[in-house]
Amino acid sequence: MLLLAVPLWGGVACATLNEVEVDALEPTREQRQAALLTLRLVERYHYKRHDLDDAMSSDILDRYIESLDSNRSYFLQRDIDRFEIYREHLDEDLKEARLDPAFDIFKVFRQRVDERITRALGLLEGEFDFTQDEAYRFDRSDAPWTVDAAAMDELWRKRVKNDVLSLRLTKKQPDGKKIRETLRKRYESIRRRTNQLSAQDVVQTYLNAYTQTLEPHTAYMSPRVSENFDINMRLSLEGIGAVLRSEDEYTVVQQVVAGGPAGLSGKVAAGDRIVGVGQGQDGEIEDVVGWRLQDVVDRIRGAKGTTVRLRLLPEGADESKIKQISLVRNEIKLEDMAAKRSIIEGLDAMGSLRIGVIDLPTFYRDFGAYTAGKEDFRSTTRDVRRLIKELTAQGVDGIVIDLRGNGGGSLVEATELTGLFIPSGPVVQVKSSDGELEVEQDPDPEMVYGGPLAVLVDRSSASASEIFAGAIQDYRRGIIIGEPTFGKGTVQTLVDLGRYVRVNGDLMGRLRMTMAQFFRVNGGSTQFNGVTPDILFPTAAGSEEHGERGLENALPWARIDAADYLPRKIDNIGECRQRHLARI
């Protein structure tokens, strides 16, 4: 299983294998229809109310340009100046389904890519003076646009020189001829993959420049992306168990999924950059720097039981620290993701205390077996209920639910799991885009465990994890320990645009849209701020920008009226906090 986080141009999925003629880059009638449908559905049903006006038009233009050239390595300042004619008019253009500005800008981008790659290939034919003291700026996302072609030539001279030096430092390719061949393939791949982008890809990128001005979880999926999504769900292709995203010209591991080959290996970490992919034990490692996300994914996926080799560049490291690993493709098995128990005892200052720990990697539910009417279907709540009984039978003095790294899952399971620890009452409130409020209640009046309880969270605990932790905190049923959580408190729905047209529905694509938001029973949202622990662990530098807090245009924290619930009283949280601070 391989999950995808697909941002704008870097993640445009599976373009045609043939290069597209420039004259073929024109919007079709169906693509204009898709744009209108996307606009109308978002305006009517999106959770965030907004006006498509001149100010939003300006944001769309900036985001579209950024999605094409995020590192400011292709467009010249004069290109940006020319695009200013669109700044206050894209709103009217979208309302009339005029997509010409998107294609005009993309054609200029394609021309600039061709110019730069031609220049880079020429530079590979010469030699570089590494005794000269020079600096190259890797991250140019905030740099000024390059003023002219001469300045761009100088920028790329330093880039190519840096690429050559980086490969020398890896000690894997000391031979100059091999280094130049690797870079030649890399640069030609950038041009080829840019020229393979079709009108569908241009429309998808442009419409996502619009949707992403609202918030980061709403996105348009072109017909080709939609088709690949369906194929991937049907075929017996497996992956490494990781969420990937594009960042500049790298494919970056955003999250390692519990129970997958990557997670079980212990060799892959969030933030790692995938710079090479090879098939089998001895297949050639392909350099994938500059590749589109979907193309890297296609190399990583394969038949279950086969081997894929990855070259990984750890976060913050230079290319001398590249490591190579082998993983066997496999599905993520429910058993590997299932809740597990253990007992902690005998540590310093514990005395005779025995603490039961339930490790919960995700909120899972076997919906297939449930829909089929099987009474013994597997679920988080059923497994945790059993583990609680086993731990209490062994005489534990308290239980810790470990949600670190748990990115969420089934809302039903988050609600029912909470019910194991409270007598009855509301668990979470869901507010839709039309203002209607639905309160999810504990469905079972039985409280399975009423003893001392703690919930362990970290910055990757998200969505359903935050619903559970927030409810336990609001009811004062236990103490929350760890880092502030991810802050994912919104609900998305997938809409097939083809259902709104009479003909050619398969050419419309789909829209993933945010239509609701979660609120705790105390009235506060889990969105953006997440859940702040009662016992707060020290966090790494930059952690305040992790999760929703690090995403552009993320919906802010909000509050509604509290639900009708009865919290308990915990007397010793202040004392626990003081002891914790004393240890630090």
Protein backbone atom coordinates (compact mmCIF):
# COMPACT_ATOMS: atom_id res chain seq x y z
CA MET A 1 0.00 0.00 0.00
CA LEU A 2 1.31 3.44 -0.88
CA LEU A 3 -0.57 6.56 0.10
CA LEU A 4 -0.11 9.84 -1.71
CA ALA A 5 -0.04 13.46 -0.77
CA VAL A 6 -0.24 15.21 -4.12
CA PRO A 7 0.60 18.95 -4.25
CA LEU A 8 0.03 20.91 -7.45
CA TRP A 9 2.53 20.55 -10.31
CA GLY A 10 5.02 18.47 -8.38
CA GLY A 11 2.35 15.84 -7.92
CA VAL A 12 0.56 15.95 -11.28
CA ALA A 13 -0.13 12.29 -11.80
CA CYS A 14 0.71 10.04 -14.67
CA ALA A 15 0.89 12.30 -17.71
CA THR A 16 0.84 10.69 -21.13
CA LEU A 17 4.07 8.87 -22.02
CA ASN A 18 4.34 10.81 -25.30
CA GLU A 19 5.44 14.42 -25.41
CA VAL A 20 2.58 16.81 -26.07
CA GLU A 21 2.81 19.26 -28.96
CA VAL A 22 2.52 22.88 -27.88
CA ASP A 23 -0.39 23.39 -30.30
CA ALA A 24 -2.32 20.65 -28.47
CA LEU A 25 -2.20 22.57 -25.21
CA GLU A 26 -5.67 24.13 -25.41
CA PRO A 27 -8.66 23.68 -23.06
CA THR A 28 -11.45 21.39 -24.21
CA ARG A 29 -15.17 21.90 -23.77
CA GLU A 30 -15.22 19.22 -21.06
CA GLN A 31 -12.38 20.87 -19.15
CA ARG A 32 -14.23 24.18 -19.17
CA GLN A 33 -17.30 22.36 -17.87
CA ALA A 34 -15.20 20.78 -15.13
CA ALA A 35 -13.93 24.21 -14.14
CA LEU A 36 -17.47 25.59 -13.88
CA LEU A 37 -18.66 22.61 -11.86
CA THR A 38 -15.69 22.85 -9.51
CA LEU A 39 -16.35 26.55 -9.02
CA ARG A 40 -20.07 26.14 -8.35
CA LEU A 41 -19.71 23.17 -6.00
CA VAL A 42 -16.99 24.86 -3.98
CA GLU A 43 -18.96 28.11 -3.74
CA ARG A 44 -22.10 26.29 -2.61
CA TYR A 45 -20.85 23.46 -0.40
CA HIS A 46 -17.32 24.21 0.83
CA TYR A 47 -17.07 24.66 4.57
CA LYS A 48 -15.24 27.97 4.23
CA ARG A 49 -17.44 30.76 2.91
CA HIS A 50 -15.60 32.99 0.47
CA ASP A 51 -15.91 35.51 -2.35
CA LEU A 52 -14.18 34.88 -5.66
CA ASP A 53 -13.04 38.45 -6.20
CA ASP A 54 -9.99 40.43 -7.33
CA ALA A 55 -8.10 39.69 -4.12
CA MET A 56 -8.63 35.95 -4.55
CA SER A 57 -7.69 36.28 -8.23
CA SER A 58 -4.34 37.71 -7.14
CA ASP A 59 -3.78 34.78 -4.79
CA ILE A 60 -4.67 32.29 -7.54
CA LEU A 61 -2.13 33.82 -9.90
CA ASP A 62 0.66 33.71 -7.31
CA ARG A 63 -0.15 30.13 -6.36
CA TYR A 64 -0.33 28.93 -9.97
CA ILE A 65 3.04 30.46 -10.80
CA GLU A 66 4.49 28.96 -7.60
CA SER A 67 3.06 25.53 -8.42
CA LEU A 68 4.93 25.56 -11.74
CA ASP A 69 8.20 27.12 -10.59
CA SER A 70 8.30 26.85 -6.80
CA ASN A 71 12.08 27.30 -6.62
CA ARG A 72 12.14 30.24 -9.05
CA SER A 73 14.57 28.52 -11.38
CA TYR A 74 12.84 29.01 -14.75
CA PHE A 75 10.64 32.10 -15.03
CA LEU A 76 12.35 35.46 -15.61
CA GLN A 77 11.24 38.72 -14.03
CA ARG A 78 9.91 39.90 -17.40
CA ASP A 79 7.67 36.81 -17.54
CA ILE A 80 6.25 37.63 -14.12
CA ASP A 81 5.71 41.23 -15.22
CA ARG A 82 3.78 40.09 -18.29
CA PHE A 83 1.56 37.80 -16.22
CA GLU A 84 0.41 40.84 -14.22
CA ILE A 85 -2.28 41.45 -16.85
CA TYR A 86 -4.14 38.50 -15.30
CA ARG A 87 -3.81 39.50 -11.64
CA GLU A 88 -7.27 41.00 -11.15
CA HIS A 89 -9.11 39.11 -13.89
CA LEU A 90 -8.80 35.40 -13.10
CA ASP A 91 -11.97 35.53 -10.99
CA GLU A 92 -14.04 36.69 -13.97
CA ASP A 93 -12.25 34.24 -16.24
CA LEU A 94 -13.07 31.31 -13.96
CA LYS A 95 -16.71 32.32 -13.67
CA GLU A 96 -16.89 32.27 -17.48
CA ALA A 97 -14.80 29.07 -17.75
CA ARG A 98 -12.04 30.91 -19.61
CA LEU A 99 -8.90 28.86 -19.01
CA ASP A 100 -6.65 30.57 -21.57
CA PRO A 101 -4.51 32.37 -18.95
CA ALA A 102 -3.49 29.05 -17.42
CA PHE A 103 -2.33 27.72 -20.79
CA ASP A 104 -0.56 30.95 -21.72
CA ILE A 105 1.48 30.87 -18.50
CA PHE A 106 2.21 27.16 -18.83
CA LYS A 107 3.50 27.53 -22.39
CA VAL A 108 5.96 30.17 -21.23
CA PHE A 109 7.03 27.85 -18.41
CA ARG A 110 7.59 25.00 -20.84
CA GLN A 111 9.71 27.26 -23.07
CA ARG A 112 11.84 28.36 -20.10
CA VAL A 113 12.38 24.76 -18.98
CA ASP A 114 13.58 23.87 -22.46
CA GLU A 115 16.01 26.81 -22.43
CA ARG A 116 17.42 25.94 -19.01
CA ILE A 117 17.88 22.24 -19.75
CA THR A 118 19.63 23.03 -23.02
CA ARG A 119 21.96 25.32 -21.07
CA ALA A 120 22.57 22.70 -18.35
CA LEU A 121 23.43 19.99 -20.87
CA GLY A 122 25.89 22.34 -22.50
CA LEU A 123 27.56 23.07 -19.17
CA LEU A 124 28.13 19.35 -18.61
CA GLU A 125 30.46 19.34 -21.60
CA GLY A 126 32.90 21.68 -19.82
CA GLU A 127 34.93 21.61 -16.62
CA PHE A 128 34.36 23.37 -13.30
CA ASP A 129 36.88 25.13 -11.10
CA PHE A 130 36.27 23.85 -7.57
CA THR A 131 39.06 25.98 -6.11
CA GLN A 132 36.93 29.07 -6.59
CA ASP A 133 34.99 30.17 -3.49
CA GLU A 134 31.33 30.32 -4.54
CA ALA A 135 27.94 29.85 -2.88
CA TYR A 136 24.79 28.27 -4.29
CA ARG A 137 21.37 28.93 -2.79
CA PHE A 138 19.39 25.69 -2.67
CA ASP A 139 16.07 27.13 -1.52
CA ARG A 140 15.05 29.97 -3.80
CA SER A 141 11.36 29.96 -2.93
CA ASP A 142 11.69 33.41 -1.33
CA ALA A 143 14.38 34.74 -3.67
CA PRO A 144 13.69 37.54 -6.14
CA TRP A 145 12.84 36.44 -9.68
CA THR A 146 15.92 36.38 -11.89
CA VAL A 147 16.22 39.62 -13.81
CA ASP A 148 17.33 38.36 -17.23
CA ALA A 149 18.71 35.43 -19.23
CA ALA A 150 22.33 36.25 -18.35
CA ALA A 151 21.57 36.11 -14.63
CA MET A 152 19.66 32.86 -15.15
CA ASP A 153 22.64 31.39 -17.02
CA GLU A 154 24.85 32.21 -14.02
CA LEU A 155 22.34 30.68 -11.62
CA TRP A 156 22.30 27.44 -13.59
CA ARG A 157 26.07 27.38 -13.91
CA LYS A 158 26.25 27.28 -10.11
CA ARG A 159 23.47 24.72 -9.94
CA VAL A 160 25.15 22.31 -12.36
CA LYS A 161 28.48 22.83 -10.61
CA ASN A 162 26.84 22.05 -7.28
CA ASP A 163 25.15 18.93 -8.71
CA VAL A 164 28.50 17.64 -9.95
CA LEU A 165 30.14 18.33 -6.59
CA SER A 166 27.29 16.68 -4.66
CA LEU A 167 27.63 13.47 -6.65
CA ARG A 168 31.38 13.48 -6.10
CA LEU A 169 30.82 13.74 -2.36
CA THR A 170 28.59 10.68 -2.30
CA LYS A 171 31.69 8.58 -3.16
CA LYS A 172 29.35 6.34 -5.12
CA GLN A 173 30.18 8.02 -8.42
CA PRO A 174 33.79 9.30 -8.29
CA ASP A 175 34.19 8.92 -12.03
CA GLY A 176 33.54 12.20 -13.85
CA LYS A 177 32.07 10.48 -16.89
CA LYS A 178 29.50 8.61 -14.78
CA ILE A 179 28.62 11.79 -12.92
CA ARG A 180 27.94 13.63 -16.16
CA GLU A 181 25.85 10.75 -17.48
CA THR A 182 23.76 10.72 -14.30
CA LEU A 183 23.16 14.45 -14.52
CA ARG A 184 22.47 14.32 -18.24
CA LYS A 185 19.70 11.79 -17.60
CA ARG A 186 18.39 13.91 -14.71
CA TYR A 187 18.18 17.10 -16.75
CA GLU A 188 16.73 15.41 -19.83
CA SER A 189 14.13 13.79 -17.57
CA ILE A 190 13.04 17.22 -16.32
CA ARG A 191 12.48 18.43 -19.89
CA ARG A 192 10.82 15.23 -21.05
CA ARG A 193 8.42 15.09 -18.13
CA THR A 194 7.52 18.74 -18.53
CA ASN A 195 6.79 18.18 -22.22
CA GLN A 196 4.60 15.19 -21.33
CA LEU A 197 2.22 17.33 -19.28
CA SER A 198 -1.09 17.50 -21.10
CA ALA A 199 -4.04 19.88 -21.12
CA GLN A 200 -5.57 17.77 -18.34
CA ASP A 201 -2.52 18.36 -16.19
CA VAL A 202 -2.57 22.10 -16.85
CA VAL A 203 -6.25 22.34 -15.89
CA GLN A 204 -5.72 20.29 -12.75
CA THR A 205 -2.82 22.46 -11.62
CA TYR A 206 -4.74 25.67 -12.36
CA LEU A 207 -7.95 24.59 -10.60
CA ASN A 208 -5.92 23.48 -7.61
CA ALA A 209 -4.32 26.91 -7.50
CA TYR A 210 -7.90 28.09 -6.95
CA THR A 211 -8.92 25.44 -4.41
CA GLN A 212 -5.69 25.75 -2.42
CA THR A 213 -6.35 29.45 -1.84
CA LEU A 214 -9.23 28.26 0.36
CA GLU A 215 -7.55 25.54 2.40
CA PRO A 216 -5.08 22.70 1.76
CA HIS A 217 -7.41 19.67 1.68
CA THR A 218 -9.65 20.65 -1.24
CA ALA A 219 -8.38 19.57 -4.66
CA TYR A 220 -9.51 18.82 -8.20
CA MET A 221 -8.54 15.44 -9.69
CA SER A 222 -8.30 15.24 -13.48
CA PRO A 223 -9.89 12.29 -15.32
CA ARG A 224 -6.47 10.67 -15.67
CA VAL A 225 -5.72 11.00 -11.96
CA SER A 226 -9.19 9.65 -11.13
CA GLU A 227 -8.69 6.69 -13.46
CA ASN A 228 -5.31 5.86 -11.95
CA PHE A 229 -6.81 6.06 -8.48
CA ASP A 230 -9.43 3.46 -9.45
CA ILE A 231 -6.87 1.22 -11.17
CA ASN A 232 -4.57 1.32 -8.19
CA MET A 233 -7.44 0.30 -5.93
CA ARG A 234 -8.22 -2.72 -8.15
CA LEU A 235 -4.81 -4.04 -9.10
CA SER A 236 -2.66 -6.27 -6.90
CA LEU A 237 0.11 -3.68 -6.75
CA GLU A 238 1.74 -3.06 -3.40
CA GLY A 239 4.21 -0.52 -2.10
CA ILE A 240 6.33 0.36 0.90
CA GLY A 241 3.71 1.88 3.23
CA ALA A 242 4.54 5.58 3.18
CA VAL A 243 2.87 8.89 2.50
CA LEU A 244 4.91 10.82 -0.07
CA ARG A 245 4.86 14.41 -1.23
CA SER A 246 6.84 16.61 -3.61
CA GLU A 247 9.10 19.35 -2.31
CA ASP A 248 11.10 21.36 -4.81
CA GLU A 249 12.56 18.60 -7.02
CA TYR A 250 12.59 15.87 -4.37
CA THR A 251 10.12 13.16 -3.40
CA VAL A 252 9.90 13.38 0.38
CA VAL A 253 8.57 10.85 2.90
CA GLN A 254 5.80 12.71 4.72
CA GLN A 255 4.73 9.84 6.96
CA VAL A 256 5.69 6.20 7.51
CA VAL A 257 2.55 4.07 7.80
CA ALA A 258 2.45 1.62 10.69
CA GLY A 259 2.54 -2.01 9.61
CA GLY A 260 4.04 -1.37 6.16
CA PRO A 261 7.43 -2.54 4.87
CA ALA A 262 9.01 0.87 5.47
CA GLY A 263 7.78 1.07 9.04
CA LEU A 264 8.69 -2.49 9.89
CA SER A 265 12.20 -2.04 8.52
CA GLY A 266 12.97 0.87 10.84
CA LYS A 267 15.15 2.33 8.06
CA VAL A 268 12.78 4.98 6.68
CA ALA A 269 11.89 8.19 8.52
CA ALA A 270 9.62 11.15 7.86
CA GLY A 271 11.62 13.83 6.08
CA ASP A 272 13.80 11.38 4.13
CA ARG A 273 14.20 12.32 0.46
CA ILE A 274 14.01 9.53 -2.12
CA VAL A 275 16.74 10.24 -4.68
CA GLY A 276 16.96 6.86 -6.40
CA VAL A 277 14.79 3.78 -7.06
CA GLY A 278 15.89 0.37 -8.31
CA GLN A 279 14.04 -2.85 -9.10
CA GLY A 280 15.03 -6.19 -7.61
CA GLN A 281 18.31 -6.99 -5.95
CA ASP A 282 20.54 -5.89 -8.82
CA GLY A 283 18.47 -3.62 -11.10
CA GLU A 284 19.90 -0.23 -12.03
CA ILE A 285 19.17 2.54 -9.53
CA GLU A 286 17.38 5.31 -11.41
CA ASP A 287 18.07 8.87 -10.30
CA VAL A 288 14.60 10.34 -9.55
CA VAL A 289 15.55 13.87 -8.57
CA GLY A 290 13.31 16.19 -10.60
CA TRP A 291 10.72 13.48 -11.33
CA ARG A 292 7.03 14.08 -10.82
CA LEU A 293 5.58 12.43 -7.75
CA GLN A 294 3.37 9.93 -9.57
CA ASP A 295 6.28 8.71 -11.70
CA VAL A 296 8.31 7.98 -8.56
CA VAL A 297 5.29 6.21 -7.07
CA ASP A 298 4.96 4.08 -10.21
CA ARG A 299 8.57 2.93 -9.76
CA ILE A 300 8.05 2.09 -6.09
CA ARG A 301 4.86 0.12 -6.60
CA GLY A 302 5.01 -3.42 -7.91
CA ALA A 303 3.91 -7.00 -7.38
CA LYS A 304 3.65 -8.23 -3.82
CA GLY A 305 6.79 -10.01 -2.65
CA THR A 306 9.15 -8.25 -5.06
CA THR A 307 12.07 -6.10 -3.96
CA VAL A 308 12.50 -2.39 -4.46
CA ARG A 309 15.74 -0.57 -3.57
CA LEU A 310 15.75 3.05 -2.47
CA ARG A 311 18.44 5.63 -2.09
CA LEU A 312 17.48 7.94 0.76
CA LEU A 313 18.87 11.33 1.69
CA PRO A 314 18.02 12.02 5.36
CA GLU A 315 16.34 15.30 6.22
CA GLY A 316 18.85 18.13 6.60
CA ALA A 317 21.80 16.03 5.37
CA ASP A 318 24.00 16.64 2.35
CA GLU A 319 24.40 14.08 -0.43
CA SER A 320 27.45 12.49 1.21
CA LYS A 321 24.99 10.96 3.71
CA ILE A 322 22.89 9.08 1.13
CA LYS A 323 22.02 5.54 2.23
CA GLN A 324 20.64 2.62 0.24
CA ILE A 325 18.03 0.18 1.54
CA SER A 326 16.04 -2.78 0.21
CA LEU A 327 12.36 -3.35 0.96
CA VAL A 328 10.02 -6.16 -0.03
CA ARG A 329 6.73 -4.83 -1.35
CA ASN A 330 3.73 -5.94 0.63
CA GLU A 331 0.26 -4.92 1.64
CA ILE A 332 -0.28 -3.41 5.04
CA LYS A 333 -1.84 -6.24 7.01
CA LEU A 334 -4.55 -5.50 9.54
CA GLU A 335 -2.68 -7.64 12.06
CA ASP A 336 0.37 -5.39 11.79
CA MET A 337 -1.81 -2.32 12.39
CA ALA A 338 -3.86 -3.85 15.19
CA ALA A 339 -3.76 -2.74 18.82
CA LYS A 340 -1.20 -4.54 20.99
CA ARG A 341 -0.64 -4.66 24.73
CA SER A 342 2.37 -4.71 27.01
CA ILE A 343 3.15 -4.12 30.69
CA ILE A 344 5.74 -1.74 32.13
CA GLU A 345 7.11 -2.61 35.57
CA GLY A 346 10.30 -2.52 37.59
CA LEU A 347 11.53 0.90 36.46
CA ASP A 348 13.13 3.37 38.87
CA ALA A 349 10.64 4.87 41.34
CA MET A 350 7.81 2.60 40.13
CA GLY A 351 7.89 0.40 43.15
CA SER A 352 5.32 -2.35 42.75
CA LEU A 353 3.27 -0.45 40.15
CA ARG A 354 2.42 -2.25 36.95
CA ILE A 355 1.24 -0.09 34.03
CA GLY A 356 -0.56 -1.60 31.06
CA VAL A 357 0.16 -0.04 27.65
CA ILE A 358 -2.08 -0.39 24.60
CA ASP A 359 -0.27 0.63 21.41
CA LEU A 360 -2.77 1.82 18.79
CA PRO A 361 -1.21 2.65 15.37
CA THR A 362 -4.52 3.54 13.66
CA PHE A 363 -8.30 3.50 14.11
CA TYR A 364 -9.21 0.51 11.95
CA ARG A 365 -12.47 -1.24 11.13
CA ASP A 366 -13.00 -4.11 8.70
CA PHE A 367 -15.81 -2.43 6.77
CA GLY A 368 -15.95 -5.27 4.24
CA ALA A 369 -16.73 -7.87 6.90
CA TYR A 370 -19.08 -5.46 8.68
CA THR A 371 -21.04 -4.75 5.49
CA ALA A 372 -21.22 -8.47 4.75
CA GLY A 373 -22.95 -8.95 8.11
CA LYS A 374 -20.16 -10.95 9.75
CA GLU A 375 -20.58 -10.78 13.51
CA ASP A 376 -16.88 -11.34 14.21
CA PHE A 377 -15.58 -8.42 12.11
CA ARG A 378 -12.33 -6.86 13.32
CA SER A 379 -12.31 -3.36 14.82
CA THR A 380 -10.26 -1.11 17.08
CA THR A 381 -12.89 -1.00 19.80
CA ARG A 382 -13.36 -4.78 19.88
CA ASP A 383 -9.62 -5.41 20.08
CA VAL A 384 -9.02 -2.76 22.77
CA ARG A 385 -11.96 -4.07 24.82
CA ARG A 386 -10.31 -7.50 24.82
CA LEU A 387 -6.88 -6.09 25.66
CA ILE A 388 -8.29 -4.09 28.58
CA LYS A 389 -9.82 -7.22 30.06
CA GLU A 390 -6.51 -9.08 29.64
CA LEU A 391 -4.56 -6.28 31.32
CA THR A 392 -6.99 -5.93 34.23
CA ALA A 393 -6.87 -9.70 34.71
CA GLN A 394 -3.11 -9.33 35.14
CA GLY A 395 -3.63 -6.76 37.86
CA VAL A 396 -2.31 -3.57 36.23
CA ASP A 397 -2.61 -0.39 38.29
CA GLY A 398 -3.35 1.87 35.31
CA ILE A 399 -3.52 1.92 31.52
CA VAL A 400 -1.81 4.09 28.90
CA ILE A 401 -3.29 4.38 25.40
CA ASP A 402 -0.37 5.14 23.07
CA LEU A 403 -1.52 7.19 20.05
CA ARG A 404 1.90 8.43 18.97
CA GLY A 405 2.14 8.36 15.18
CA ASN A 406 -1.56 7.48 14.86
CA GLY A 407 -2.81 9.51 11.89
CA GLY A 408 -6.47 8.67 12.42
CA GLY A 409 -8.92 6.41 10.66
CA SER A 410 -12.53 5.51 11.36
CA LEU A 411 -14.67 8.17 13.08
CA VAL A 412 -17.00 5.39 14.24
CA GLU A 413 -14.12 3.68 16.01
CA ALA A 414 -12.93 6.90 17.67
CA THR A 415 -16.45 7.38 19.03
CA GLU A 416 -16.94 3.80 20.18
CA LEU A 417 -13.45 3.56 21.69
CA THR A 418 -14.12 6.65 23.80
CA GLY A 419 -17.25 4.90 25.04
CA LEU A 420 -15.14 2.19 26.67
CA PHE A 421 -13.88 4.78 29.17
CA ILE A 422 -17.00 6.90 29.88
CA PRO A 423 -20.46 5.82 31.08
CA SER A 424 -22.35 7.64 28.32
CA GLY A 425 -22.63 10.98 26.57
CA PRO A 426 -21.50 12.89 23.46
CA VAL A 427 -18.03 12.27 22.05
CA VAL A 428 -17.60 14.72 19.15
CA GLN A 429 -19.62 17.38 17.32
CA VAL A 430 -19.58 17.62 13.52
CA LYS A 431 -20.59 20.92 11.93
CA SER A 432 -21.38 20.87 8.19
CA SER A 433 -20.98 23.67 5.67
CA ASP A 434 -24.67 24.59 5.96
CA GLY A 435 -24.34 25.07 9.71
CA GLU A 436 -26.10 21.87 10.75
CA LEU A 437 -24.64 20.21 13.83
CA GLU A 438 -24.50 16.46 14.38
CA VAL A 439 -23.42 15.08 17.75
CA GLU A 440 -21.82 11.63 17.79
CA GLN A 441 -22.82 9.81 20.98
CA ASP A 442 -21.27 6.94 22.91
CA PRO A 443 -23.41 4.04 21.59
CA ASP A 444 -22.77 1.69 24.54
CA PRO A 445 -23.71 2.57 28.16
CA GLU A 446 -21.14 0.12 29.53
CA MET A 447 -17.88 1.63 30.83
CA VAL A 448 -15.35 -1.17 30.32
CA TYR A 449 -12.52 0.50 32.25
CA GLY A 450 -12.84 3.10 35.00
CA GLY A 451 -9.33 3.03 36.47
CA PRO A 452 -6.38 5.42 36.08
CA LEU A 453 -5.90 6.36 32.43
CA ALA A 454 -3.35 8.29 30.38
CA VAL A 455 -3.24 8.98 26.63
CA LEU A 456 0.14 9.43 24.97
CA VAL A 457 0.21 11.67 21.85
CA ASP A 458 2.72 13.38 19.59
CA ARG A 459 2.77 15.79 16.68
CA SER A 460 1.69 13.04 14.27
CA SER A 461 -1.42 12.06 16.23
CA ALA A 462 -4.21 13.31 13.98
CA SER A 463 -7.91 13.30 13.16
CA ALA A 464 -9.57 10.35 14.96
CA SER A 465 -6.69 10.32 17.48
CA GLU A 466 -7.46 13.93 18.33
CA ILE A 467 -11.17 13.20 18.69
CA PHE A 468 -10.42 10.44 21.21
CA ALA A 469 -7.75 12.39 23.12
CA GLY A 470 -9.91 15.53 23.16
CA ALA A 471 -12.91 13.65 24.55
CA ILE A 472 -10.87 11.95 27.27
CA GLN A 473 -9.46 15.35 28.22
CA ASP A 474 -12.84 17.12 28.18
CA TYR A 475 -14.44 14.46 30.36
CA ARG A 476 -11.40 14.66 32.67
CA ARG A 477 -11.39 10.91 32.34
CA GLY A 478 -7.59 10.71 32.03
CA ILE A 479 -4.52 12.83 31.48
CA ILE A 480 -3.05 13.58 28.06
CA ILE A 481 0.75 13.36 27.82
CA GLY A 482 3.14 14.31 25.03
CA GLU A 483 3.33 16.93 22.27
CA PRO A 484 0.59 19.13 20.78
CA THR A 485 -1.16 17.01 18.16
CA PHE A 486 -1.38 17.48 14.37
CA GLY A 487 -4.50 19.66 14.21
CA LYS A 488 -6.47 17.88 11.44
CA GLY A 489 -10.07 18.63 12.29
CA THR A 490 -11.84 18.79 8.92
CA VAL A 491 -13.93 16.31 6.92
CA GLN A 492 -13.54 15.76 3.15
CA THR A 493 -15.95 14.29 0.58
CA LEU A 494 -15.08 12.96 -2.90
CA VAL A 495 -17.46 14.22 -5.62
CA ASP A 496 -17.66 12.68 -9.10
CA LEU A 497 -18.21 15.64 -11.45
CA GLY A 498 -19.48 13.33 -14.19
CA ARG A 499 -22.78 12.89 -12.37
CA TYR A 500 -23.68 16.50 -13.20
CA VAL A 501 -23.44 16.21 -17.01
CA ARG A 502 -25.41 14.20 -19.56
CA VAL A 503 -22.56 13.18 -21.86
CA ASN A 504 -18.80 12.61 -21.51
CA GLY A 505 -19.04 12.29 -17.74
CA ASP A 506 -15.81 10.29 -17.75
CA LEU A 507 -13.98 13.42 -18.93
CA MET A 508 -14.98 15.57 -15.95
CA GLY A 509 -12.75 14.33 -13.14
CA ARG A 510 -13.46 14.51 -9.40
CA LEU A 511 -13.39 17.04 -6.60
CA ARG A 512 -12.19 16.36 -3.06
CA MET A 513 -13.83 19.00 -0.92
CA THR A 514 -13.85 20.02 2.74
CA MET A 515 -17.47 20.05 3.87
CA ALA A 516 -17.42 19.77 7.67
CA GLN A 517 -15.36 20.37 10.80
CA PHE A 518 -14.93 18.48 14.08
CA PHE A 519 -15.56 20.13 17.43
CA ARG A 520 -14.86 18.72 20.86
CA VAL A 521 -17.65 18.36 23.38
CA ASN A 522 -16.29 21.43 25.19
CA GLY A 523 -16.98 23.43 22.01
CA GLY A 524 -13.38 23.88 20.85
CA SER A 525 -12.21 22.59 17.48
CA THR A 526 -9.45 20.03 17.00
CA GLN A 527 -8.56 21.92 13.80
CA PHE A 528 -5.24 23.79 13.63
CA ASN A 529 -4.36 23.85 17.36
CA GLY A 530 -4.92 20.14 17.85
CA VAL A 531 -5.02 18.85 21.43
CA THR A 532 -2.65 20.42 23.95
CA PRO A 533 -1.51 17.79 26.47
CA ASP A 534 -1.98 18.20 30.23
CA ILE A 535 1.66 17.09 30.62
CA LEU A 536 3.59 18.79 27.82
CA PHE A 537 6.82 17.20 26.64
CA PRO A 538 9.67 19.37 25.32
CA THR A 539 9.38 19.67 21.54
CA ALA A 540 11.96 20.00 18.79
CA ALA A 541 12.68 23.33 17.14
CA GLY A 542 10.18 24.10 14.40
CA SER A 543 7.52 21.79 15.81
CA GLU A 544 5.09 24.71 16.01
CA GLU A 545 4.97 24.60 12.19
CA HIS A 546 4.21 20.88 12.04
CA GLY A 547 0.85 19.55 10.93
CA GLU A 548 -1.96 21.93 10.02
CA ARG A 549 -0.04 24.80 11.57
CA GLY A 550 2.57 24.44 8.83
CA LEU A 551 0.08 24.39 5.94
CA GLU A 552 -0.85 27.48 3.99
CA ASN A 553 -4.48 28.59 4.31
CA ALA A 554 -5.33 25.92 6.88
CA LEU A 555 -8.69 26.59 8.50
CA PRO A 556 -8.22 28.34 11.85
CA TRP A 557 -9.22 27.11 15.28
CA ALA A 558 -12.84 27.89 16.11
CA ARG A 559 -15.37 27.40 18.86
CA ILE A 560 -19.08 26.57 19.07
CA ASP A 561 -21.36 25.94 22.04
CA ALA A 562 -20.36 23.06 24.28
CA ALA A 563 -22.38 19.85 24.18
CA ASP A 564 -24.31 18.64 27.21
CA TYR A 565 -21.78 16.46 29.03
CA LEU A 566 -20.67 15.77 32.60
CA PRO A 567 -16.89 15.93 33.20
CA ARG A 568 -15.21 14.15 36.08
CA LYS A 569 -12.67 15.73 38.40
CA ILE A 570 -8.99 14.81 38.48
CA ASP A 571 -7.31 16.21 41.58
CA ASN A 572 -3.64 15.55 40.96
CA ILE A 573 -2.89 16.93 37.45
CA GLY A 574 -1.15 19.99 38.93
CA GLU A 575 1.04 17.80 41.12
CA CYS A 576 1.88 15.54 38.17
CA ARG A 577 2.81 18.56 36.08
CA GLN A 578 5.15 19.90 38.79
CA ARG A 579 6.88 16.53 39.12
CA HIS A 580 7.27 16.40 35.34
CA LEU A 581 8.82 19.87 35.22
CA ALA A 582 11.17 18.98 38.06
CA ARG A 583 12.46 16.00 36.08
CA ILE A 584 13.17 18.22 33.08
